[in-house]
C-alpha cells in the first residue's frame, strides 16, 4: 500500500464519523455487560417520585424526576421495565459519543492541538470510568454530558471569535445550555448563565442583550418559576449545610471548653449535641446532616454562630473543612464510604421489587472485574483518580488568569471550577460521581489550552 493510501486511511479515521464509530465500538460491550444500565440510588428515588411511590426525597431536580420517570414508563408500558432504562442509558451513551466525535477532531484541526488530540479517543474509549458513566442513569452523568457540550461550544467561541458569534444558531444553542444545566442539577445553571451573558454581551454589544435576557429567563423558569407553578416542594435546607455542620463538629471536639452555652443553644436547635459529636465522620456528613433540621431562621442563626467560631479559631474550622474534602485532591486515595463506580441496580430492595428492575449479574461480574484490573495498573489508576483532574482544573485556571494567550479559555475553566467548588461543599469526601462532570471535560479543555500554547510558539503574533 502506498504512502498516499495510508495517509488517506488515517485521514478517514480522523473524521467525526470515524471517531463516533470507534467510541461506540469500544463502549457498546460495556453497555451490554451492564444491562439494563448502572442505576444510581438517586435515579431510583427520581423514578419513585415520578410514579408517586415515594415522595419523601425532595432534593432531586424536578426535571430529573420527569426525565427518568418517563423512560422507565416507556419500558413499563411495553411490559419490560428494564427496557426503558436501557433505552435511556444507550441514548445517553450515543449522545456523549456524538459530542466527543465533534469535539476531538475540532481540537486537532481548529483549536491547534494537532494530531495529539486524537489520543483523547484512547482516553475516553479505553479508560473504564468513561463507558461506565456513559451508561449510568444518574443526574451526574447527564449533567456531565451537558457540561461537555457547553465546553465544546465555548472552545469554538474562543477559537473562531467573531465568526462564531456571527452565526445566530451558535449563540442561541449556547444560550439554551445554562437552562439545560439548571434542569439537570440544582443551582447548575447560574454560573453558566453568567459566563454566557458576559461573552454574548462582549461579542454582540447591544444585540447580545436579547439572547442574554432569554437565557436568564430560561434559567429562572427552570429553577424557580416552573417548580413554583407546579407546586414542586423546595429541597431541604440541610442539604446546603454539610460543611458548616462538619466543621462545627470538628471544632466542638477540638475546643470543647470554648463552645459557649449560647453557641450550644444555636447548635441544638438544628441537631442534638450527642448526634453532632457521636455521629461525626469526616468522610461523610450524612450521619449528622440527615438527622438535622433547619428552618430559614435556624439556618441563619447557625451560619452566624459558625462564622463566630471561624473568627475565634480559623485554623480549626479550616482543618475541619479540609478533613471533609481532601480526597478531592488526592492522587492515591479514594472515598472509603462511597463507591468509585456503580454497577447494576442500586436502590432499596423494596423499591427494586416494585419497579421490577434487575441487573444481569454475569455481565456485571465481568465489567467489575475489568474495572478492578484497570485500577491495579498505576498509570491507568491515576487517570481514574479525582485529584488529577482537580489539580489540572486549578492549574489551567491559574494559567488562564496569568497568560493572555490562554485567557480565552477562562470561561471553560470557570465551568470546571463550578463543579469542583460544589464538590468542596458536598457531604461526601472524594465522591467520584460528584466530580465526574468535571473529569469528563478536563481532558478537552487541557487539549485546547495546550493547543493555544503550541500555536503561540509557532506564531507568537497569533490570536
Protein backbone atom coordinates (compact mmCIF):
# COMPACT_ATOMS: atom_id res chain seq x y z
CA UNK A 1 0.00 0.00 0.00
CA UNK A 2 1.39 3.38 -0.98
CA UNK A 3 2.13 6.15 1.50
CA UNK A 4 -0.65 8.22 -0.02
CA UNK A 5 -3.17 5.41 0.54
CA UNK A 6 -2.05 5.02 4.17
CA UNK A 7 -2.38 8.75 4.72
CA UNK A 8 -5.84 8.72 3.18
CA UNK A 9 -6.95 5.91 5.51
CA UNK A 10 -5.56 7.79 8.51
CA UNK A 11 -7.41 10.93 7.41
CA UNK A 12 -10.62 8.94 7.29
CA UNK A 13 -10.02 7.71 10.86
CA UNK A 14 -9.75 11.32 11.96
CA UNK A 15 -13.21 12.28 10.72
CA UNK A 16 -16.06 12.90 13.20
CA UNK A 17 -17.88 9.86 11.81
CA UNK A 18 -14.89 7.62 12.44
CA UNK A 19 -14.34 8.93 15.97
CA UNK A 20 -18.04 8.36 16.70
CA UNK A 21 -17.84 4.81 15.39
CA UNK A 22 -14.67 3.96 17.32
CA UNK A 23 -16.11 5.20 20.61
CA UNK A 24 -19.31 3.24 20.13
CA UNK A 25 -17.40 0.08 19.19
CA UNK A 26 -15.41 0.16 22.43
CA UNK A 27 -18.32 1.36 24.61
CA UNK A 28 -21.08 -0.98 23.40
CA UNK A 29 -19.58 -4.06 25.16
CA UNK A 30 -19.87 -2.14 28.45
CA UNK A 31 -23.48 -1.27 27.61
CA UNK A 32 -24.17 -4.98 27.07
CA UNK A 33 -22.37 -6.16 30.21
CA UNK A 34 -24.05 -3.51 32.35
CA UNK A 35 -27.60 -4.19 31.08
CA UNK A 36 -30.00 -2.50 31.77
CA UNK A 37 -27.55 0.20 32.81
CA UNK A 38 -25.86 1.29 36.01
CA UNK A 39 -28.68 2.83 38.03
CA UNK A 40 -27.74 5.14 40.88
CA UNK A 41 -29.75 5.35 44.10
CA UNK A 42 -30.85 8.89 43.17
CA UNK A 43 -32.23 7.61 39.87
CA UNK A 44 -34.38 5.17 41.79
CA UNK A 45 -35.75 7.94 44.00
CA UNK A 46 -36.44 10.04 40.88
CA UNK A 47 -38.45 7.22 39.31
CA UNK A 48 -40.28 6.62 42.60
CA UNK A 49 -41.15 10.33 42.75
CA UNK A 50 -42.48 10.34 39.20
CA UNK A 51 -44.62 7.26 39.87
CA UNK A 52 -45.81 8.69 43.22
CA UNK A 53 -44.48 5.62 45.02
CA UNK A 54 -42.37 7.66 47.42
CA UNK A 55 -42.07 11.43 47.53
CA UNK A 56 -40.04 11.77 50.72
CA UNK A 57 -36.92 12.80 48.78
CA UNK A 58 -37.43 16.36 47.55
CA UNK A 59 -33.79 17.08 46.75
CA UNK A 60 -33.52 15.70 43.20
CA UNK A 61 -34.06 18.24 40.39
CA UNK A 62 -37.68 18.07 39.26
CA UNK A 63 -36.67 17.61 35.63
CA UNK A 64 -34.58 14.55 36.52
CA UNK A 65 -37.67 13.01 38.12
CA UNK A 66 -39.60 13.67 34.92
CA UNK A 67 -36.84 12.52 32.54
CA UNK A 68 -36.01 9.25 34.25
CA UNK A 69 -39.62 8.53 35.13
CA UNK A 70 -40.75 8.91 31.52
CA UNK A 71 -38.10 6.49 30.25
CA UNK A 72 -38.98 3.97 32.94
CA UNK A 73 -42.66 4.33 31.99
CA UNK A 74 -41.85 3.57 28.33
CA UNK A 75 -40.40 0.21 29.31
CA UNK A 76 -43.16 -0.45 31.82
CA UNK A 77 -45.87 0.16 29.21
CA UNK A 78 -44.09 -2.31 26.93
CA UNK A 79 -44.18 -4.84 29.76
CA UNK A 80 -40.36 -4.79 30.14
CA UNK A 81 -39.39 -2.11 32.74
CA UNK A 82 -35.61 -2.58 32.20
CA UNK A 83 -36.09 -1.74 28.51
CA UNK A 84 -36.94 1.91 29.26
CA UNK A 85 -33.86 2.26 31.45
CA UNK A 86 -31.72 0.62 28.77
CA UNK A 87 -33.03 2.99 26.11
CA UNK A 88 -32.15 5.92 28.36
CA UNK A 89 -28.62 4.67 29.05
CA UNK A 90 -27.92 3.80 25.41
CA UNK A 91 -29.28 7.17 24.27
CA UNK A 92 -27.03 8.96 26.74
CA UNK A 93 -24.04 6.91 25.56
CA UNK A 94 -24.73 7.76 21.91
CA UNK A 95 -25.16 11.47 22.68
CA UNK A 96 -21.90 11.59 24.63
CA UNK A 97 -20.04 9.77 21.85
CA UNK A 98 -21.51 12.16 19.27
CA UNK A 99 -20.36 15.27 21.20
CA UNK A 100 -16.87 13.80 21.58
CA UNK A 101 -16.82 12.93 17.89
CA UNK A 102 -17.33 16.62 17.08
CA UNK A 103 -15.05 17.89 19.82
CA UNK A 104 -11.92 15.76 19.31
CA UNK A 105 -11.43 16.49 15.57
CA UNK A 106 -12.16 20.16 16.26
CA UNK A 107 -9.41 20.26 18.89
CA UNK A 108 -7.00 18.66 16.43
CA UNK A 109 -7.83 20.65 13.32
CA UNK A 110 -9.12 24.02 14.52
CA UNK A 111 -8.03 24.59 18.12
CA UNK A 112 -4.34 23.97 17.44
CA UNK A 113 -3.92 20.77 19.46
CA UNK A 114 -2.70 18.85 16.40
CA UNK A 115 -2.76 15.10 15.90
CA UNK A 116 -2.08 14.57 19.60
CA UNK A 117 -5.72 15.44 20.28
CA UNK A 118 -6.70 12.08 18.81
CA UNK A 119 -5.10 10.43 21.85
CA UNK A 120 -8.27 11.51 23.61
CA UNK A 121 -10.03 8.70 21.71
CA UNK A 122 -7.93 6.23 23.69
CA UNK A 123 -8.54 8.08 26.95
CA UNK A 124 -12.32 8.29 26.58
CA UNK A 125 -12.64 4.94 24.85
CA UNK A 126 -10.43 2.69 26.95
CA UNK A 127 -10.48 4.23 30.44
CA UNK A 128 -13.28 2.23 32.12
CA UNK A 129 -14.81 5.11 34.09
CA UNK A 130 -15.96 6.82 30.89
CA UNK A 131 -18.06 4.00 29.40
CA UNK A 132 -19.27 3.03 32.89
CA UNK A 133 -20.65 6.51 33.48
CA UNK A 134 -21.83 6.80 29.87
CA UNK A 135 -24.34 4.01 30.58
CA UNK A 136 -25.19 5.20 34.08
CA UNK A 137 -28.65 6.54 34.86
CA UNK A 138 -27.95 9.38 37.26
CA UNK A 139 -28.04 13.14 37.45
CA UNK A 140 -24.24 13.45 37.46
CA UNK A 141 -23.85 11.54 34.18
CA UNK A 142 -26.32 13.53 32.12
CA UNK A 143 -25.19 16.79 33.71
CA UNK A 144 -21.66 15.85 32.63
CA UNK A 145 -22.79 15.35 29.02
CA UNK A 146 -24.50 18.77 29.00
CA UNK A 147 -21.40 20.39 30.52
CA UNK A 148 -19.22 18.75 27.87
CA UNK A 149 -21.48 20.24 25.18
CA UNK A 150 -21.13 23.67 26.77
CA UNK A 151 -17.34 23.30 26.90
CA UNK A 152 -17.28 22.31 23.22
CA UNK A 153 -19.18 25.46 22.24
CA UNK A 154 -17.03 27.66 24.47
CA UNK A 155 -13.88 26.24 22.86
CA UNK A 156 -15.36 27.02 19.47
CA UNK A 157 -16.26 30.55 20.59
CA UNK A 158 -12.70 31.10 21.84
CA UNK A 159 -11.17 29.72 18.63
CA UNK A 160 -13.46 31.21 15.99
CA UNK A 161 -14.16 34.53 17.75
CA UNK A 162 -16.25 36.82 15.51
CA UNK A 163 -17.05 34.00 13.08
CA UNK A 164 -18.69 32.02 15.89
CA UNK A 165 -20.87 34.90 17.09
CA UNK A 166 -21.83 35.87 13.57
CA UNK A 167 -23.96 32.72 13.32
CA UNK A 168 -27.12 33.13 15.45
CA UNK A 169 -27.54 29.35 15.72
CA UNK A 170 -24.33 29.10 17.74
CA UNK A 171 -25.16 31.63 20.39
CA UNK A 172 -28.80 30.54 20.71
CA UNK A 173 -27.67 26.97 21.40
CA UNK A 174 -25.14 28.30 23.89
CA UNK A 175 -27.88 30.45 25.42
CA UNK A 176 -30.02 27.36 25.99
CA UNK A 177 -27.34 25.33 27.75
CA UNK A 178 -27.42 27.20 31.11
CA UNK A 179 -31.11 26.33 31.43
CA UNK A 180 -30.38 22.70 30.49
CA UNK A 181 -27.65 22.56 33.15
CA UNK A 182 -30.06 24.11 35.66
CA UNK A 183 -32.66 21.46 34.84
CA UNK A 184 -30.18 18.65 35.40
CA UNK A 185 -28.62 19.85 38.66
CA UNK A 186 -29.93 22.15 41.37
CA UNK A 187 -28.23 25.57 41.00
CA UNK A 188 -26.34 24.20 37.98
CA UNK A 189 -27.37 26.97 35.60
CA UNK A 190 -26.36 30.16 37.39
CA UNK A 191 -22.61 30.23 36.71
CA UNK A 192 -23.02 29.09 33.06
CA UNK A 193 -25.60 31.86 32.67
CA UNK A 194 -23.13 34.46 33.98
CA UNK A 195 -20.41 33.13 31.66
CA UNK A 196 -22.71 33.20 28.64
CA UNK A 197 -24.11 36.64 29.41
CA UNK A 198 -20.65 38.18 29.69
CA UNK A 199 -19.46 36.53 26.46
CA UNK A 200 -22.50 37.40 24.35
CA UNK A 201 -22.68 40.99 25.59
CA UNK A 202 -18.98 41.43 24.92
CA UNK A 203 -19.22 39.93 21.44
CA UNK A 204 -22.59 41.29 20.31
CA UNK A 205 -22.85 44.51 22.37
CA UNK A 206 -26.49 45.70 22.26
CA UNK A 207 -27.51 42.80 20.05
CA UNK A 208 -26.41 40.45 22.85
CA UNK A 209 -28.99 41.79 25.30
CA UNK A 210 -31.83 39.71 23.85
CA UNK A 211 -30.09 36.28 23.95
CA UNK A 212 -28.69 37.08 27.41
CA UNK A 213 -32.17 38.02 28.65
CA UNK A 214 -33.77 34.94 27.09
CA UNK A 215 -31.10 32.71 28.64
CA UNK A 216 -31.68 34.33 32.06
CA UNK A 217 -35.45 33.86 31.78
CA UNK A 218 -34.97 30.21 30.84
CA UNK A 219 -32.70 29.59 33.86
CA UNK A 220 -35.09 31.37 36.24
CA UNK A 221 -38.02 29.43 34.78
CA UNK A 222 -36.22 26.09 35.20
CA UNK A 223 -35.05 26.82 38.74
CA UNK A 224 -37.89 28.89 40.19
CA UNK A 225 -40.98 29.61 38.07
CA UNK A 226 -41.87 26.11 36.83
CA UNK A 227 -41.38 24.39 40.23
CA UNK A 228 -43.46 27.12 41.91
CA UNK A 229 -46.24 26.86 39.33
CA UNK A 230 -46.30 23.06 39.55
CA UNK A 231 -46.25 23.03 43.35
CA UNK A 232 -42.95 21.16 43.49
CA UNK A 233 -41.52 21.46 47.02
CA UNK A 234 -38.15 23.11 47.52
CA UNK A 235 -35.18 20.99 48.54
CA UNK A 236 -34.37 20.61 52.20
CA UNK A 237 -32.25 23.37 53.70
CA UNK A 238 -29.99 20.88 55.43
CA UNK A 239 -28.61 19.79 52.04
CA UNK A 240 -26.57 23.01 51.88
CA UNK A 241 -25.26 22.79 55.44
CA UNK A 242 -22.81 19.89 55.17
CA UNK A 243 -19.58 21.85 55.62
CA UNK A 244 -20.85 24.11 58.46
CA UNK A 245 -22.09 21.01 60.30
CA UNK A 246 -18.87 19.06 59.68
CA UNK A 247 -16.52 21.85 60.72
CA UNK A 248 -18.66 22.74 63.75
CA UNK A 249 -18.47 19.13 64.96
CA UNK A 250 -14.70 19.13 64.47
CA UNK A 251 -14.43 22.44 66.36
CA UNK A 252 -16.57 21.16 69.25
CA UNK A 253 -14.28 18.15 69.65
CA UNK A 254 -11.07 20.18 69.29
CA UNK A 255 -12.13 23.01 71.66
CA UNK A 256 -14.93 21.62 73.85
CA UNK A 257 -14.22 24.12 76.62
CA UNK A 258 -14.57 27.10 74.28
CA UNK A 259 -18.04 26.32 72.93
CA UNK A 260 -20.29 28.66 74.91
CA UNK A 261 -23.77 27.83 76.21
CA UNK A 262 -25.21 30.34 73.77
CA UNK A 263 -23.44 28.60 70.86
CA UNK A 264 -24.70 25.21 72.00
CA UNK A 265 -28.23 26.61 72.15
CA UNK A 266 -27.94 27.61 68.49
CA UNK A 267 -26.42 24.26 67.51
CA UNK A 268 -29.03 22.14 69.29
CA UNK A 269 -31.86 23.95 67.52
CA UNK A 270 -30.64 22.18 64.40
CA UNK A 271 -29.09 18.94 65.67
CA UNK A 272 -28.75 17.19 69.05
CA UNK A 273 -25.42 17.58 70.78
CA UNK A 274 -24.96 13.80 71.08
CA UNK A 275 -25.59 13.33 67.37
CA UNK A 276 -23.21 16.13 66.36
CA UNK A 277 -20.37 14.68 68.41
CA UNK A 278 -21.17 10.96 68.27
CA UNK A 279 -22.12 10.56 64.62
CA UNK A 280 -19.45 12.87 63.15
CA UNK A 281 -17.46 11.22 60.37
CA UNK A 282 -15.01 13.39 58.38
CA UNK A 283 -15.60 11.25 55.29
CA UNK A 284 -19.37 11.81 55.11
CA UNK A 285 -21.73 14.41 56.58
CA UNK A 286 -24.88 12.32 56.15
CA UNK A 287 -24.90 10.73 59.64
CA UNK A 288 -25.17 14.25 61.15
CA UNK A 289 -26.81 16.12 58.28
CA UNK A 290 -29.63 13.65 57.77
CA UNK A 291 -30.65 13.95 61.43
CA UNK A 292 -30.55 17.75 61.46
CA UNK A 293 -33.50 20.08 60.92
CA UNK A 294 -33.20 23.64 59.63
CA UNK A 295 -35.64 26.45 59.06
CA UNK A 296 -34.78 29.76 57.44
CA UNK A 297 -34.39 31.26 60.92
CA UNK A 298 -32.29 28.50 62.47
CA UNK A 299 -30.11 28.25 59.37
CA UNK A 300 -29.30 31.96 59.62
CA UNK A 301 -28.54 31.64 63.33
CA UNK A 302 -26.36 28.59 62.72
CA UNK A 303 -24.34 30.31 59.99
CA UNK A 304 -23.78 33.41 62.15
CA UNK A 305 -22.65 31.18 65.03
CA UNK A 306 -20.38 29.25 62.64
CA UNK A 307 -18.77 32.48 61.41
CA UNK A 308 -18.13 33.35 65.05
CA UNK A 309 -16.29 30.05 65.51
CA UNK A 310 -14.32 30.82 62.35
CA UNK A 311 -13.23 34.16 63.80
CA UNK A 312 -12.15 32.56 67.08
CA UNK A 313 -10.20 29.64 65.60
CA UNK A 314 -9.96 29.93 61.81
CA UNK A 315 -7.35 27.17 61.62
CA UNK A 316 -9.63 24.69 63.37
CA UNK A 317 -12.63 25.42 61.15
CA UNK A 318 -10.46 25.20 58.04
CA UNK A 319 -8.97 21.92 59.26
CA UNK A 320 -12.47 20.55 59.83
CA UNK A 321 -13.37 21.56 56.29
CA UNK A 322 -10.16 20.13 54.82
CA UNK A 323 -10.63 16.80 56.60
CA UNK A 324 -14.01 16.57 54.85
CA UNK A 325 -12.80 17.37 51.30
CA UNK A 326 -9.11 16.48 50.95
CA UNK A 327 -9.76 13.33 48.91
CA UNK A 328 -10.86 15.53 46.01
CA UNK A 329 -7.17 16.42 45.63
CA UNK A 330 -5.64 13.01 46.26
CA UNK A 331 -3.78 11.14 43.52
CA UNK A 332 -3.66 7.92 45.52
CA UNK A 333 -6.78 7.64 47.72
CA UNK A 334 -10.49 7.35 47.06
CA UNK A 335 -13.57 7.59 49.25
CA UNK A 336 -13.85 4.75 51.79
CA UNK A 337 -17.60 5.31 52.20
CA UNK A 338 -18.89 5.69 48.62
CA UNK A 339 -18.20 3.57 45.55
CA UNK A 340 -15.88 4.86 42.86
CA UNK A 341 -18.19 3.45 40.21
CA UNK A 342 -21.54 1.65 40.35
CA UNK A 343 -22.64 -1.46 38.54
CA UNK A 344 -26.19 -2.67 38.14
CA UNK A 345 -29.26 -1.55 40.07
CA UNK A 346 -28.53 0.46 43.23
CA UNK A 347 -31.68 1.16 45.21
CA UNK A 348 -33.68 -0.08 48.19
CA UNK A 349 -34.63 -3.77 47.70
CA UNK A 350 -38.32 -2.99 48.25
CA UNK A 351 -38.29 -0.30 45.55
CA UNK A 352 -36.33 -2.56 43.21
CA UNK A 353 -39.03 -5.21 43.62
CA UNK A 354 -41.77 -2.66 42.93
CA UNK A 355 -40.03 -1.38 39.80
CA UNK A 356 -39.06 -4.88 38.61
CA UNK A 357 -35.57 -3.71 37.72
CA UNK A 358 -32.82 -6.33 37.84
CA UNK A 359 -29.20 -6.45 36.73
CA UNK A 360 -27.52 -9.00 34.55
CA UNK A 361 -25.30 -10.41 37.29
CA UNK A 362 -22.97 -12.29 34.94
CA UNK A 363 -22.32 -9.20 32.83
CA UNK A 364 -21.87 -7.05 35.92
CA UNK A 365 -19.30 -9.53 37.26
CA UNK A 366 -17.22 -9.29 34.09
CA UNK A 367 -17.49 -5.48 33.98
CA UNK A 368 -16.47 -5.18 37.64
CA UNK A 369 -13.51 -7.46 37.03
CA UNK A 370 -12.33 -5.41 34.06
CA UNK A 371 -12.58 -2.19 36.08
CA UNK A 372 -10.75 -3.69 39.07
CA UNK A 373 -7.93 -4.88 36.80
CA UNK A 374 -7.61 -1.36 35.36
CA UNK A 375 -7.28 0.05 38.88
CA UNK A 376 -4.31 -2.23 39.52
CA UNK A 377 -2.25 -0.55 36.77
CA UNK A 378 -0.52 2.53 38.32
CA UNK A 379 -0.74 4.86 35.30
CA UNK A 380 -4.31 3.93 34.48
CA UNK A 381 -5.27 4.13 38.17
CA UNK A 382 -4.05 7.72 38.44
CA UNK A 383 -6.04 8.64 35.34
CA UNK A 384 -9.14 7.46 37.22
CA UNK A 385 -8.49 9.49 40.38
CA UNK A 386 -10.33 12.72 41.12
CA UNK A 387 -7.21 14.54 42.30
CA UNK A 388 -5.55 14.59 38.88
CA UNK A 389 -8.48 16.47 37.38
CA UNK A 390 -8.88 18.82 40.34
CA UNK A 391 -5.25 19.90 40.11
CA UNK A 392 -5.48 20.26 36.34
CA UNK A 393 -8.57 22.45 36.77
CA UNK A 394 -6.77 24.71 39.24
CA UNK A 395 -3.62 24.79 37.13
CA UNK A 396 -5.44 25.68 33.91
CA UNK A 397 -7.44 28.37 35.68
CA UNK A 398 -4.27 29.91 37.13
CA UNK A 399 -2.60 29.79 33.70
CA UNK A 400 -5.63 31.40 32.04
CA UNK A 401 -5.56 34.22 34.59
CA UNK A 402 -1.82 34.78 34.19
CA UNK A 403 -1.21 34.33 30.46
CA UNK A 404 -3.05 36.32 27.83
CA UNK A 405 -2.79 33.65 25.11
CA UNK A 406 -4.68 31.14 27.28
CA UNK A 407 -7.18 33.59 28.77
CA UNK A 408 -9.75 32.89 26.08
CA UNK A 409 -10.32 29.50 27.74
CA UNK A 410 -11.07 31.00 31.15
CA UNK A 411 -14.86 30.56 30.59
CA UNK A 412 -14.28 26.80 30.21
CA UNK A 413 -12.22 26.78 33.38
CA UNK A 414 -14.99 28.58 35.27
CA UNK A 415 -17.41 25.77 34.44
CA UNK A 416 -14.90 23.23 35.73
CA UNK A 417 -14.38 25.30 38.88
CA UNK A 418 -18.14 25.34 39.40
CA UNK A 419 -18.12 21.54 39.68
CA UNK A 420 -15.01 21.47 41.86
CA UNK A 421 -16.50 24.14 44.13
CA UNK A 422 -19.68 22.10 44.53
CA UNK A 423 -17.55 19.08 45.48
CA UNK A 424 -15.79 21.12 48.15
CA UNK A 425 -19.17 21.98 49.71
CA UNK A 426 -20.61 18.48 49.34
CA UNK A 427 -21.49 15.99 52.10
CA UNK A 428 -19.12 13.25 50.89
CA UNK A 429 -15.34 13.37 50.85
CA UNK A 430 -13.95 12.29 47.49
CA UNK A 431 -17.19 11.07 45.90
CA UNK A 432 -16.28 10.26 42.29
CA UNK A 433 -19.73 10.79 40.81
CA UNK A 434 -19.90 14.33 42.22
CA UNK A 435 -16.70 15.17 40.33
CA UNK A 436 -17.44 13.20 37.18
CA UNK A 437 -18.79 16.11 35.12
CA UNK A 438 -15.52 17.96 35.73
CA UNK A 439 -13.47 14.85 34.93
CA UNK A 440 -15.31 14.34 31.63
CA UNK A 441 -14.48 17.85 30.35
CA UNK A 442 -10.97 18.44 31.75
CA UNK A 443 -9.09 16.48 29.02
CA UNK A 444 -10.80 18.51 26.29
CA UNK A 445 -10.05 21.85 27.95
CA UNK A 446 -6.45 20.76 28.57
CA UNK A 447 -6.04 19.87 24.89
CA UNK A 448 -7.41 23.30 23.92
CA UNK A 449 -5.07 25.08 26.34
CA UNK A 450 -2.05 23.12 25.09
CA UNK A 451 -3.17 23.86 21.54
CA UNK A 452 -3.13 27.59 22.28
CA UNK A 453 0.40 27.29 23.72
CA UNK A 454 1.53 25.24 20.72
CA UNK A 455 0.06 27.74 18.26
CA UNK A 456 1.66 30.67 20.08
CA UNK A 457 5.09 29.03 19.92
CA UNK A 458 4.74 28.57 16.18
CA UNK A 459 3.33 32.04 15.64
CA UNK A 460 3.83 34.47 18.57
CA UNK A 461 1.53 37.01 16.88
CA UNK A 462 -1.39 34.58 16.58
CA UNK A 463 -4.63 35.32 18.45
